[in-house]
Amino acid sequence: MILVFAVVLSALSVIAAGGSLENLSRLKIRARWAVLAAFALQILVISVVPTEMAGWPGRVLELFSYALAIVFLVANRRIPWLWLVGAGGLSNLVAIGANDGVMPASPVAVRAAGRVLPTGRFLNSAPLLHPKLAFLGDIFSTPRTWPLANVFSAGDVLLAVGAFLLLHSVCGSRLARRSAGPSRASPRQKSEPSRPTPRLPL
């Protein structure tokens, strides 16, 4: 949910910076099915049937959804800054894969966000007894007094920053134009040899 909120804020900042979100419709996006299937699996596992997905079924589908997302990212690697989004997703995938399909969460971050973890259902992020690659897990949090308080990882930060830069770049905002700098001047064309000035009759 934090990532969705971050993308919405990025889109609003594009409009504020004079960009056009209509440019997104002109992108040639490949393998749409992969990202749609990835989102569908995430919603299914986390929100629709979390109780039935407790244990290994939820963990397997969680990993498979990330694999589908990687297929989408590779197919669309030419889109500006999508590589940074991919780096964030890969960071999360490594952490989840190293911990059998669960993102390790810091107990301190979970308490700071005010999260209450239910039992008997699949949890895509939770404190683990002996987490592996814990520094890639959900070690950051937003305060419990904030809307949508939750924990997040370094990979999530890369995802949010990558989405911000991608939207501004594709939508042509003032921020993107300013960072691109002045366009290079075209090379001077060879000047034609000057014609002799005709002499006026005396």
N, C-alpha and C. Protein backbone atom coordinates (compact mmCIF):
# COMPACT_ATOMS: atom_id res chain seq x y z
N MET A 1 0.82 -1.20 0.00
CA MET A 1 0.00 0.00 0.00
C MET A 1 0.86 1.26 0.00
N ILE A 2 2.01 1.20 0.70
CA ILE A 2 2.89 2.36 0.72
C ILE A 2 3.40 2.67 -0.68
N LEU A 3 3.73 1.62 -1.44
CA LEU A 3 4.24 1.82 -2.79
C LEU A 3 3.16 2.43 -3.69
N VAL A 4 1.93 1.98 -3.55
CA VAL A 4 0.84 2.56 -4.33
C VAL A 4 0.69 4.04 -4.01
N PHE A 5 0.77 4.37 -2.73
CA PHE A 5 0.68 5.77 -2.31
C PHE A 5 1.83 6.58 -2.88
N ALA A 6 3.04 5.99 -2.91
CA ALA A 6 4.21 6.68 -3.44
C ALA A 6 4.06 6.95 -4.93
N VAL A 7 3.51 5.98 -5.67
CA VAL A 7 3.30 6.16 -7.11
C VAL A 7 2.27 7.25 -7.38
N VAL A 8 1.20 7.28 -6.58
CA VAL A 8 0.18 8.32 -6.74
C VAL A 8 0.79 9.70 -6.49
N LEU A 9 1.61 9.84 -5.45
CA LEU A 9 2.27 11.11 -5.18
C LEU A 9 3.21 11.50 -6.32
N SER A 10 3.90 10.52 -6.89
CA SER A 10 4.80 10.78 -8.01
C SER A 10 4.02 11.30 -9.21
N ALA A 11 2.86 10.69 -9.48
CA ALA A 11 2.03 11.12 -10.59
C ALA A 11 1.53 12.56 -10.38
N LEU A 12 1.15 12.88 -9.15
CA LEU A 12 0.71 14.24 -8.85
C LEU A 12 1.86 15.24 -9.00
N SER A 13 3.07 14.81 -8.63
CA SER A 13 4.22 15.71 -8.77
C SER A 13 4.56 15.94 -10.24
N VAL A 14 4.30 14.95 -11.10
CA VAL A 14 4.50 15.13 -12.54
C VAL A 14 3.58 16.23 -13.07
N ILE A 15 2.31 16.19 -12.67
CA ILE A 15 1.35 17.21 -13.10
C ILE A 15 1.77 18.58 -12.59
N ALA A 16 2.21 18.64 -11.32
CA ALA A 16 2.63 19.91 -10.75
C ALA A 16 3.87 20.47 -11.46
N ALA A 17 4.69 19.59 -12.01
CA ALA A 17 5.92 20.02 -12.68
C ALA A 17 5.72 20.19 -14.19
N GLY A 18 4.49 20.24 -14.62
CA GLY A 18 4.21 20.53 -16.02
C GLY A 18 4.32 19.36 -16.96
N GLY A 19 4.36 18.14 -16.45
CA GLY A 19 4.43 16.96 -17.30
C GLY A 19 3.06 16.52 -17.75
N SER A 20 3.02 15.59 -18.69
CA SER A 20 1.76 15.09 -19.22
C SER A 20 1.68 13.57 -19.03
N LEU A 21 0.72 13.15 -18.23
CA LEU A 21 0.54 11.71 -17.99
C LEU A 21 0.04 10.99 -19.24
N GLU A 22 -0.43 11.73 -20.22
CA GLU A 22 -0.88 11.11 -21.46
C GLU A 22 0.27 10.43 -22.19
N ASN A 23 1.50 10.86 -21.92
CA ASN A 23 2.66 10.24 -22.56
C ASN A 23 2.77 8.76 -22.20
N LEU A 24 2.22 8.37 -21.05
CA LEU A 24 2.29 6.97 -20.65
C LEU A 24 1.54 6.07 -21.62
N SER A 25 0.48 6.60 -22.24
CA SER A 25 -0.30 5.79 -23.19
C SER A 25 0.46 5.53 -24.47
N ARG A 26 1.52 6.30 -24.71
CA ARG A 26 2.31 6.11 -25.93
C ARG A 26 3.46 5.12 -25.75
N LEU A 27 3.66 4.67 -24.52
CA LEU A 27 4.73 3.70 -24.27
C LEU A 27 4.38 2.34 -24.89
N LYS A 28 5.35 1.73 -25.51
CA LYS A 28 5.16 0.38 -26.04
C LYS A 28 5.51 -0.62 -24.93
N ILE A 29 4.48 -1.07 -24.23
CA ILE A 29 4.67 -1.96 -23.09
C ILE A 29 4.48 -3.40 -23.54
N ARG A 30 5.47 -4.23 -23.23
CA ARG A 30 5.42 -5.63 -23.61
C ARG A 30 5.13 -6.51 -22.38
N ALA A 31 4.68 -7.71 -22.64
CA ALA A 31 4.42 -8.70 -21.58
C ALA A 31 3.53 -8.13 -20.48
N ARG A 32 2.46 -7.47 -20.87
CA ARG A 32 1.52 -6.95 -19.87
C ARG A 32 0.95 -8.07 -19.01
N TRP A 33 0.76 -9.22 -19.63
CA TRP A 33 0.16 -10.35 -18.92
C TRP A 33 0.98 -10.71 -17.68
N ALA A 34 2.33 -10.54 -17.78
CA ALA A 34 3.19 -10.94 -16.66
C ALA A 34 2.95 -10.07 -15.44
N VAL A 35 2.90 -8.76 -15.63
CA VAL A 35 2.71 -7.88 -14.48
C VAL A 35 1.28 -7.99 -13.94
N LEU A 36 0.30 -8.18 -14.82
CA LEU A 36 -1.08 -8.34 -14.35
C LEU A 36 -1.22 -9.63 -13.54
N ALA A 37 -0.58 -10.69 -14.01
CA ALA A 37 -0.63 -11.95 -13.26
C ALA A 37 0.09 -11.83 -11.92
N ALA A 38 1.20 -11.08 -11.90
CA ALA A 38 1.93 -10.88 -10.64
C ALA A 38 1.07 -10.16 -9.62
N PHE A 39 0.40 -9.08 -10.05
CA PHE A 39 -0.47 -8.34 -9.14
C PHE A 39 -1.64 -9.21 -8.68
N ALA A 40 -2.19 -9.99 -9.59
CA ALA A 40 -3.33 -10.84 -9.23
C ALA A 40 -2.92 -11.87 -8.17
N LEU A 41 -1.73 -12.45 -8.32
CA LEU A 41 -1.27 -13.42 -7.33
C LEU A 41 -1.04 -12.77 -5.97
N GLN A 42 -0.46 -11.55 -5.98
CA GLN A 42 -0.23 -10.84 -4.73
C GLN A 42 -1.55 -10.58 -4.00
N ILE A 43 -2.55 -10.12 -4.74
CA ILE A 43 -3.86 -9.83 -4.14
C ILE A 43 -4.50 -11.11 -3.62
N LEU A 44 -4.38 -12.19 -4.41
CA LEU A 44 -4.96 -13.47 -4.01
C LEU A 44 -4.36 -13.98 -2.70
N VAL A 45 -3.04 -13.95 -2.63
CA VAL A 45 -2.35 -14.53 -1.48
C VAL A 45 -2.51 -13.67 -0.23
N ILE A 46 -2.43 -12.34 -0.39
CA ILE A 46 -2.40 -11.46 0.77
C ILE A 46 -3.81 -11.06 1.24
N SER A 47 -4.74 -10.85 0.29
CA SER A 47 -6.03 -10.27 0.67
C SER A 47 -7.23 -11.19 0.49
N VAL A 48 -7.22 -12.04 -0.54
CA VAL A 48 -8.43 -12.81 -0.84
C VAL A 48 -8.51 -14.08 0.01
N VAL A 49 -7.47 -14.92 -0.06
CA VAL A 49 -7.50 -16.19 0.69
C VAL A 49 -6.22 -16.34 1.52
N PRO A 50 -5.94 -15.41 2.42
CA PRO A 50 -4.69 -15.51 3.18
C PRO A 50 -4.66 -16.71 4.13
N THR A 51 -5.83 -17.11 4.62
CA THR A 51 -5.86 -18.26 5.53
C THR A 51 -5.52 -19.55 4.80
N GLU A 52 -6.11 -19.72 3.62
CA GLU A 52 -5.84 -20.93 2.84
C GLU A 52 -4.41 -20.97 2.34
N MET A 53 -3.76 -19.80 2.25
CA MET A 53 -2.40 -19.74 1.73
C MET A 53 -1.34 -19.81 2.82
N ALA A 54 -1.75 -20.04 4.05
CA ALA A 54 -0.77 -20.14 5.14
C ALA A 54 0.18 -21.31 4.87
N GLY A 55 1.46 -21.07 5.14
CA GLY A 55 2.45 -22.12 4.91
C GLY A 55 3.07 -22.03 3.53
N TRP A 56 3.47 -23.20 3.00
CA TRP A 56 4.23 -23.21 1.75
C TRP A 56 3.44 -22.76 0.52
N PRO A 57 2.11 -22.97 0.41
CA PRO A 57 1.44 -22.50 -0.82
C PRO A 57 1.58 -20.99 -1.02
N GLY A 58 1.38 -20.23 0.04
CA GLY A 58 1.51 -18.78 -0.07
C GLY A 58 2.93 -18.35 -0.39
N ARG A 59 3.91 -19.05 0.18
CA ARG A 59 5.30 -18.69 -0.05
C ARG A 59 5.71 -18.97 -1.49
N VAL A 60 5.24 -20.09 -2.03
CA VAL A 60 5.57 -20.43 -3.42
C VAL A 60 4.95 -19.42 -4.38
N LEU A 61 3.68 -19.08 -4.17
CA LEU A 61 3.01 -18.13 -5.05
C LEU A 61 3.61 -16.73 -4.91
N GLU A 62 4.06 -16.38 -3.71
CA GLU A 62 4.71 -15.08 -3.51
C GLU A 62 5.98 -14.99 -4.35
N LEU A 63 6.79 -16.02 -4.32
CA LEU A 63 8.02 -16.05 -5.12
C LEU A 63 7.70 -16.06 -6.62
N PHE A 64 6.66 -16.81 -7.01
CA PHE A 64 6.30 -16.88 -8.42
C PHE A 64 5.83 -15.53 -8.93
N SER A 65 5.14 -14.75 -8.09
CA SER A 65 4.68 -13.42 -8.52
C SER A 65 5.87 -12.51 -8.80
N TYR A 66 6.93 -12.63 -8.00
CA TYR A 66 8.13 -11.83 -8.25
C TYR A 66 8.82 -12.29 -9.54
N ALA A 67 8.81 -13.57 -9.81
CA ALA A 67 9.40 -14.08 -11.05
C ALA A 67 8.67 -13.51 -12.27
N LEU A 68 7.35 -13.43 -12.19
CA LEU A 68 6.57 -12.84 -13.27
C LEU A 68 6.90 -11.36 -13.44
N ALA A 69 7.10 -10.67 -12.33
CA ALA A 69 7.45 -9.25 -12.40
C ALA A 69 8.80 -9.06 -13.08
N ILE A 70 9.74 -9.97 -12.85
CA ILE A 70 11.04 -9.89 -13.49
C ILE A 70 10.91 -10.10 -15.00
N VAL A 71 10.04 -11.01 -15.42
CA VAL A 71 9.78 -11.21 -16.84
C VAL A 71 9.31 -9.91 -17.48
N PHE A 72 8.40 -9.21 -16.80
CA PHE A 72 7.89 -7.94 -17.31
C PHE A 72 9.00 -6.89 -17.40
N LEU A 73 9.84 -6.81 -16.37
CA LEU A 73 10.91 -5.81 -16.35
C LEU A 73 11.93 -6.05 -17.45
N VAL A 74 12.28 -7.30 -17.67
CA VAL A 74 13.25 -7.62 -18.72
C VAL A 74 12.68 -7.28 -20.09
N ALA A 75 11.41 -7.59 -20.30
CA ALA A 75 10.78 -7.32 -21.59
C ALA A 75 10.68 -5.82 -21.89
N ASN A 76 10.66 -4.99 -20.84
CA ASN A 76 10.50 -3.54 -21.02
C ASN A 76 11.72 -2.78 -20.53
N ARG A 77 12.89 -3.40 -20.64
CA ARG A 77 14.11 -2.80 -20.08
C ARG A 77 14.51 -1.49 -20.76
N ARG A 78 13.98 -1.20 -21.94
CA ARG A 78 14.34 0.03 -22.63
C ARG A 78 13.62 1.26 -22.07
N ILE A 79 12.60 1.05 -21.25
CA ILE A 79 11.89 2.20 -20.66
C ILE A 79 12.81 2.88 -19.65
N PRO A 80 12.93 4.21 -19.71
CA PRO A 80 13.86 4.91 -18.81
C PRO A 80 13.57 4.64 -17.34
N TRP A 81 14.63 4.36 -16.59
CA TRP A 81 14.61 4.17 -15.14
C TRP A 81 13.89 2.90 -14.69
N LEU A 82 13.43 2.09 -15.63
CA LEU A 82 12.80 0.85 -15.20
C LEU A 82 13.83 -0.09 -14.60
N TRP A 83 15.10 0.11 -14.96
CA TRP A 83 16.16 -0.73 -14.37
C TRP A 83 16.25 -0.51 -12.87
N LEU A 84 15.97 0.74 -12.40
CA LEU A 84 16.02 1.02 -10.97
C LEU A 84 14.84 0.36 -10.25
N VAL A 85 13.69 0.38 -10.90
CA VAL A 85 12.53 -0.33 -10.35
C VAL A 85 12.86 -1.82 -10.25
N GLY A 86 13.51 -2.34 -11.29
CA GLY A 86 13.90 -3.75 -11.27
C GLY A 86 14.89 -4.07 -10.18
N ALA A 87 15.82 -3.13 -9.92
CA ALA A 87 16.80 -3.35 -8.85
C ALA A 87 16.11 -3.45 -7.49
N GLY A 88 15.09 -2.62 -7.29
CA GLY A 88 14.33 -2.70 -6.04
C GLY A 88 13.58 -4.01 -5.91
N GLY A 89 12.95 -4.43 -7.01
CA GLY A 89 12.24 -5.70 -6.98
C GLY A 89 13.16 -6.88 -6.76
N LEU A 90 14.36 -6.82 -7.37
CA LEU A 90 15.32 -7.90 -7.20
C LEU A 90 15.82 -7.97 -5.77
N SER A 91 16.02 -6.80 -5.15
CA SER A 91 16.45 -6.77 -3.75
C SER A 91 15.42 -7.46 -2.86
N ASN A 92 14.15 -7.16 -3.09
CA ASN A 92 13.09 -7.80 -2.30
C ASN A 92 13.02 -9.30 -2.57
N LEU A 93 13.19 -9.67 -3.85
CA LEU A 93 13.12 -11.08 -4.21
C LEU A 93 14.24 -11.88 -3.54
N VAL A 94 15.43 -11.31 -3.48
CA VAL A 94 16.57 -12.00 -2.84
C VAL A 94 16.27 -12.22 -1.36
N ALA A 95 15.74 -11.19 -0.69
CA ALA A 95 15.42 -11.32 0.74
C ALA A 95 14.33 -12.35 0.98
N ILE A 96 13.30 -12.32 0.14
CA ILE A 96 12.20 -13.28 0.30
C ILE A 96 12.65 -14.69 -0.02
N GLY A 97 13.43 -14.84 -1.09
CA GLY A 97 13.91 -16.16 -1.46
C GLY A 97 14.83 -16.78 -0.42
N ALA A 98 15.64 -15.94 0.23
CA ALA A 98 16.56 -16.45 1.25
C ALA A 98 15.83 -16.88 2.52
N ASN A 99 14.58 -16.43 2.66
CA ASN A 99 13.81 -16.74 3.88
C ASN A 99 12.54 -17.53 3.57
N ASP A 100 12.66 -18.41 2.58
CA ASP A 100 11.58 -19.36 2.26
C ASP A 100 10.25 -18.68 1.94
N GLY A 101 10.31 -17.55 1.21
CA GLY A 101 9.09 -16.93 0.74
C GLY A 101 8.48 -15.89 1.65
N VAL A 102 9.17 -15.50 2.71
CA VAL A 102 8.67 -14.47 3.63
C VAL A 102 9.70 -13.35 3.73
N MET A 103 9.24 -12.11 3.62
CA MET A 103 10.12 -10.96 3.81
C MET A 103 10.41 -10.79 5.29
N PRO A 104 11.68 -10.86 5.70
CA PRO A 104 11.97 -10.68 7.13
C PRO A 104 11.73 -9.24 7.55
N ALA A 105 11.04 -9.07 8.65
CA ALA A 105 10.71 -7.74 9.16
C ALA A 105 11.38 -7.52 10.50
N SER A 106 11.84 -6.31 10.71
CA SER A 106 12.44 -5.97 11.99
C SER A 106 11.36 -5.83 13.06
N PRO A 107 11.49 -6.52 14.21
CA PRO A 107 10.49 -6.35 15.27
C PRO A 107 10.36 -4.91 15.73
N VAL A 108 11.47 -4.18 15.73
CA VAL A 108 11.43 -2.77 16.12
C VAL A 108 10.59 -1.97 15.14
N ALA A 109 10.80 -2.22 13.83
CA ALA A 109 10.03 -1.50 12.82
C ALA A 109 8.55 -1.85 12.89
N VAL A 110 8.26 -3.12 13.14
CA VAL A 110 6.86 -3.55 13.24
C VAL A 110 6.16 -2.85 14.40
N ARG A 111 6.84 -2.76 15.53
CA ARG A 111 6.25 -2.07 16.69
C ARG A 111 6.09 -0.58 16.42
N ALA A 112 7.08 0.03 15.76
CA ALA A 112 7.01 1.46 15.48
C ALA A 112 5.84 1.79 14.54
N ALA A 113 5.53 0.85 13.63
CA ALA A 113 4.43 1.08 12.71
C ALA A 113 3.08 0.72 13.32
N GLY A 114 3.11 0.09 14.50
CA GLY A 114 1.86 -0.28 15.16
C GLY A 114 1.15 -1.43 14.49
N ARG A 115 1.90 -2.30 13.80
CA ARG A 115 1.28 -3.42 13.11
C ARG A 115 0.94 -4.54 14.09
N VAL A 116 -0.22 -5.12 13.91
CA VAL A 116 -0.64 -6.29 14.68
C VAL A 116 -0.69 -7.46 13.70
N LEU A 117 0.15 -8.46 13.92
CA LEU A 117 0.26 -9.57 12.99
C LEU A 117 -0.72 -10.68 13.37
N PRO A 118 -1.68 -10.97 12.51
CA PRO A 118 -2.63 -12.04 12.81
C PRO A 118 -1.97 -13.41 12.68
N THR A 119 -2.55 -14.40 13.29
CA THR A 119 -2.04 -15.77 13.22
C THR A 119 -2.95 -16.61 12.32
N GLY A 120 -2.41 -17.73 11.85
CA GLY A 120 -3.21 -18.66 11.06
C GLY A 120 -3.47 -18.20 9.65
N ARG A 121 -2.67 -17.29 9.11
CA ARG A 121 -2.83 -16.82 7.74
C ARG A 121 -1.47 -16.51 7.15
N PHE A 122 -1.42 -16.39 5.83
CA PHE A 122 -0.15 -16.10 5.18
C PHE A 122 0.26 -14.67 5.45
N LEU A 123 1.52 -14.47 5.85
CA LEU A 123 2.07 -13.14 6.07
C LEU A 123 3.27 -12.98 5.13
N ASN A 124 3.18 -12.02 4.22
CA ASN A 124 4.28 -11.82 3.28
C ASN A 124 5.45 -11.10 3.94
N SER A 125 5.22 -10.49 5.10
CA SER A 125 6.27 -9.80 5.85
C SER A 125 6.03 -10.03 7.34
N ALA A 126 7.06 -10.56 8.02
CA ALA A 126 6.90 -10.87 9.44
C ALA A 126 8.27 -11.03 10.09
N PRO A 127 8.36 -10.77 11.40
CA PRO A 127 9.62 -11.04 12.11
C PRO A 127 9.91 -12.53 12.11
N LEU A 128 11.16 -12.89 11.87
CA LEU A 128 11.58 -14.29 11.84
C LEU A 128 12.60 -14.55 12.94
N LEU A 129 12.68 -15.80 13.37
CA LEU A 129 13.57 -16.14 14.46
C LEU A 129 15.04 -15.98 14.06
N HIS A 130 15.40 -16.52 12.93
CA HIS A 130 16.78 -16.40 12.44
C HIS A 130 16.75 -15.93 10.99
N PRO A 131 16.48 -14.63 10.78
CA PRO A 131 16.36 -14.14 9.40
C PRO A 131 17.70 -14.13 8.67
N LYS A 132 17.63 -14.38 7.37
CA LYS A 132 18.80 -14.29 6.51
C LYS A 132 18.70 -13.00 5.70
N LEU A 133 19.86 -12.35 5.49
CA LEU A 133 19.90 -11.08 4.75
C LEU A 133 18.89 -10.09 5.33
N ALA A 134 18.91 -9.98 6.65
CA ALA A 134 17.92 -9.12 7.33
C ALA A 134 18.02 -7.67 6.90
N PHE A 135 19.20 -7.23 6.46
CA PHE A 135 19.36 -5.83 6.07
C PHE A 135 18.58 -5.50 4.80
N LEU A 136 18.19 -6.53 4.04
CA LEU A 136 17.37 -6.31 2.86
C LEU A 136 15.88 -6.40 3.17
N GLY A 137 15.54 -6.72 4.40
CA GLY A 137 14.14 -6.90 4.78
C GLY A 137 13.46 -5.58 5.13
N ASP A 138 12.30 -5.71 5.74
CA ASP A 138 11.51 -4.53 6.14
C ASP A 138 12.06 -3.99 7.46
N ILE A 139 13.11 -3.17 7.35
CA ILE A 139 13.77 -2.64 8.53
C ILE A 139 13.41 -1.18 8.78
N PHE A 140 12.63 -0.58 7.87
CA PHE A 140 12.20 0.81 8.05
C PHE A 140 10.69 0.83 8.31
N SER A 141 10.22 1.93 8.83
CA SER A 141 8.79 2.04 9.11
C SER A 141 8.36 3.50 9.09
N THR A 142 7.08 3.69 8.84
CA THR A 142 6.47 5.00 9.04
C THR A 142 5.76 4.97 10.39
N PRO A 143 5.72 6.09 11.10
CA PRO A 143 5.14 6.10 12.45
C PRO A 143 3.68 5.65 12.46
N ARG A 144 3.29 5.03 13.52
CA ARG A 144 1.93 4.50 13.64
C ARG A 144 0.89 5.60 13.57
N THR A 145 1.28 6.86 13.86
CA THR A 145 0.32 7.97 13.81
C THR A 145 0.08 8.46 12.38
N TRP A 146 0.88 8.00 11.43
CA TRP A 146 0.71 8.42 10.04
C TRP A 146 -0.33 7.55 9.35
N PRO A 147 -1.00 8.10 8.32
CA PRO A 147 -1.90 7.24 7.53
C PRO A 147 -1.10 6.15 6.82
N LEU A 148 -1.68 4.98 6.70
CA LEU A 148 -1.06 3.84 6.02
C LEU A 148 0.28 3.46 6.64
N ALA A 149 0.37 3.57 7.96
CA ALA A 149 1.62 3.22 8.64
C ALA A 149 1.97 1.76 8.37
N ASN A 150 3.24 1.54 8.02
CA ASN A 150 3.64 0.18 7.69
C ASN A 150 5.16 0.10 7.70
N VAL A 151 5.68 -1.09 7.47
CA VAL A 151 7.12 -1.29 7.37
C VAL A 151 7.50 -1.38 5.89
N PHE A 152 8.77 -1.08 5.59
CA PHE A 152 9.22 -1.17 4.20
C PHE A 152 10.71 -1.42 4.17
N SER A 153 11.19 -1.80 3.01
CA SER A 153 12.58 -2.23 2.85
C SER A 153 13.36 -1.26 1.98
N ALA A 154 14.67 -1.51 1.88
CA ALA A 154 15.51 -0.72 0.97
C ALA A 154 15.07 -0.94 -0.47
N GLY A 155 14.65 -2.17 -0.78
CA GLY A 155 14.13 -2.44 -2.11
C GLY A 155 12.89 -1.62 -2.43
N ASP A 156 12.02 -1.44 -1.44
CA ASP A 156 10.83 -0.61 -1.64
C ASP A 156 11.22 0.84 -1.93
N VAL A 157 12.27 1.32 -1.28
CA VAL A 157 12.73 2.68 -1.53
C VAL A 157 13.21 2.82 -2.97
N LEU A 158 13.97 1.83 -3.45
CA LEU A 158 14.43 1.85 -4.84
C LEU A 158 13.25 1.80 -5.81
N LEU A 159 12.25 1.00 -5.48
CA LEU A 159 11.05 0.92 -6.32
C LEU A 159 10.35 2.28 -6.41
N ALA A 160 10.21 2.96 -5.28
CA ALA A 160 9.52 4.25 -5.25
C ALA A 160 10.31 5.32 -6.00
N VAL A 161 11.63 5.37 -5.77
CA VAL A 161 12.47 6.35 -6.46
C VAL A 161 12.49 6.08 -7.96
N GLY A 162 12.60 4.79 -8.33
CA GLY A 162 12.60 4.44 -9.74
C GLY A 162 11.30 4.84 -10.42
N ALA A 163 10.16 4.61 -9.76
CA ALA A 163 8.86 5.00 -10.32
C ALA A 163 8.77 6.51 -10.47
N PHE A 164 9.29 7.25 -9.49
CA PHE A 164 9.29 8.72 -9.55
C PHE A 164 10.08 9.21 -10.76
N LEU A 165 11.30 8.71 -10.93
CA LEU A 165 12.16 9.14 -12.03
C LEU A 165 11.59 8.71 -13.38
N LEU A 166 11.02 7.50 -13.43
CA LEU A 166 10.44 7.00 -14.67
C LEU A 166 9.28 7.90 -15.12
N LEU A 167 8.38 8.21 -14.20
CA LEU A 167 7.22 9.02 -14.55
C LEU A 167 7.64 10.41 -15.03
N HIS A 168 8.58 11.04 -14.33
CA HIS A 168 9.01 12.37 -14.73
C HIS A 168 9.73 12.34 -16.07
N SER A 169 10.52 11.30 -16.30
CA SER A 169 11.26 11.19 -17.56
C SER A 169 10.32 10.97 -18.74
N VAL A 170 9.41 10.01 -18.60
CA VAL A 170 8.50 9.67 -19.70
C VAL A 170 7.50 10.79 -19.96
N CYS A 171 7.05 11.44 -18.89
CA CYS A 171 6.01 12.45 -19.02
C CYS A 171 6.56 13.84 -19.31
N GLY A 172 7.89 13.98 -19.39
CA GLY A 172 8.49 15.24 -19.81
C GLY A 172 8.25 16.41 -18.87
N SER A 173 8.40 16.21 -17.57
CA SER A 173 8.19 17.30 -16.63
C SER A 173 9.36 18.27 -16.65
N ARG A 174 9.18 19.41 -16.02
CA ARG A 174 10.27 20.40 -15.94
C ARG A 174 11.47 19.82 -15.21
N LEU A 175 11.22 18.97 -14.22
CA LEU A 175 12.32 18.36 -13.48
C LEU A 175 13.19 17.51 -14.41
N ALA A 176 12.55 16.73 -15.29
CA ALA A 176 13.30 15.89 -16.22
C ALA A 176 14.05 16.74 -17.23
N ARG A 177 13.44 17.80 -17.72
CA ARG A 177 14.11 18.66 -18.69
C ARG A 177 15.30 19.38 -18.07
N ARG A 178 15.14 19.77 -16.80
CA ARG A 178 16.23 20.47 -16.13
C ARG A 178 17.42 19.54 -15.89
N SER A 179 17.13 18.28 -15.52
CA SER A 179 18.21 17.34 -15.25
C SER A 179 18.92 16.92 -16.52
N ALA A 180 18.21 16.98 -17.65
CA ALA A 180 18.83 16.62 -18.92
C ALA A 180 19.84 17.66 -19.37
N GLY A 181 19.67 18.90 -18.93
CA GLY A 181 20.61 19.96 -19.29
C GLY A 181 20.34 20.49 -20.67
N PRO A 182 21.09 21.51 -21.07
CA PRO A 182 20.89 22.10 -22.39
C PRO A 182 21.26 21.13 -23.49
N SER A 183 20.51 21.16 -24.55
CA SER A 183 20.80 20.27 -25.67
C SER A 183 22.09 20.68 -26.35
N ARG A 184 22.78 19.69 -26.87
CA ARG A 184 24.04 19.98 -27.52
C ARG A 184 23.80 20.72 -28.84
N ALA A 185 24.63 21.64 -29.05
CA ALA A 185 24.51 22.40 -30.29
C ALA A 185 24.90 21.52 -31.46
N SER A 186 24.19 21.66 -32.54
CA SER A 186 24.51 20.86 -33.72
C SER A 186 25.84 21.30 -34.29
N PRO A 187 26.64 20.38 -34.84
CA PRO A 187 27.93 20.76 -35.38
C PRO A 187 27.79 21.75 -36.50
N ARG A 188 28.74 22.68 -36.57
CA ARG A 188 28.67 23.70 -37.60
C ARG A 188 28.86 23.07 -38.97
N GLN A 189 28.03 23.50 -39.86
CA GLN A 189 28.19 23.03 -41.21
C GLN A 189 29.30 23.79 -41.88
N LYS A 190 29.98 23.11 -42.78
CA LYS A 190 31.08 23.77 -43.49
C LYS A 190 30.52 24.92 -44.30
N SER A 191 31.10 26.04 -44.09
CA SER A 191 30.60 27.22 -44.80
C SER A 191 31.02 27.16 -46.26
N GLU A 192 30.13 27.60 -47.07
CA GLU A 192 30.43 27.63 -48.49
C GLU A 192 31.51 28.67 -48.76
N PRO A 193 32.36 28.40 -49.71
CA PRO A 193 33.38 29.41 -50.03
C PRO A 193 32.74 30.71 -50.45
N SER A 194 33.27 31.75 -49.89
CA SER A 194 32.69 33.07 -50.16
C SER A 194 32.92 33.47 -51.62
N ARG A 195 31.92 33.98 -52.20
CA ARG A 195 32.03 34.44 -53.58
C ARG A 195 32.67 35.82 -53.61
N PRO A 196 33.48 36.01 -54.59
CA PRO A 196 34.09 37.35 -54.67
C PRO A 196 33.06 38.43 -54.91
N THR A 197 33.21 39.52 -54.24
CA THR A 197 32.28 40.63 -54.39
C THR A 197 32.49 41.27 -55.76
N PRO A 198 31.43 41.33 -56.54
CA PRO A 198 31.60 41.93 -57.87
C PRO A 198 32.05 43.37 -57.77
N ARG A 199 32.94 43.73 -58.65
CA ARG A 199 33.46 45.11 -58.67
C ARG A 199 32.49 45.99 -59.42
N LEU A 200 32.23 47.10 -58.83
CA LEU A 200 31.31 48.05 -59.49
C LEU A 200 32.06 48.82 -60.56
N PRO A 201 31.44 49.00 -61.66
CA PRO A 201 32.12 49.79 -62.71
C PRO A 201 32.34 51.21 -62.26
N LEU A 202 33.48 51.75 -62.59
CA LEU A 202 33.81 53.12 -62.21
C LEU A 202 33.12 54.11 -63.15
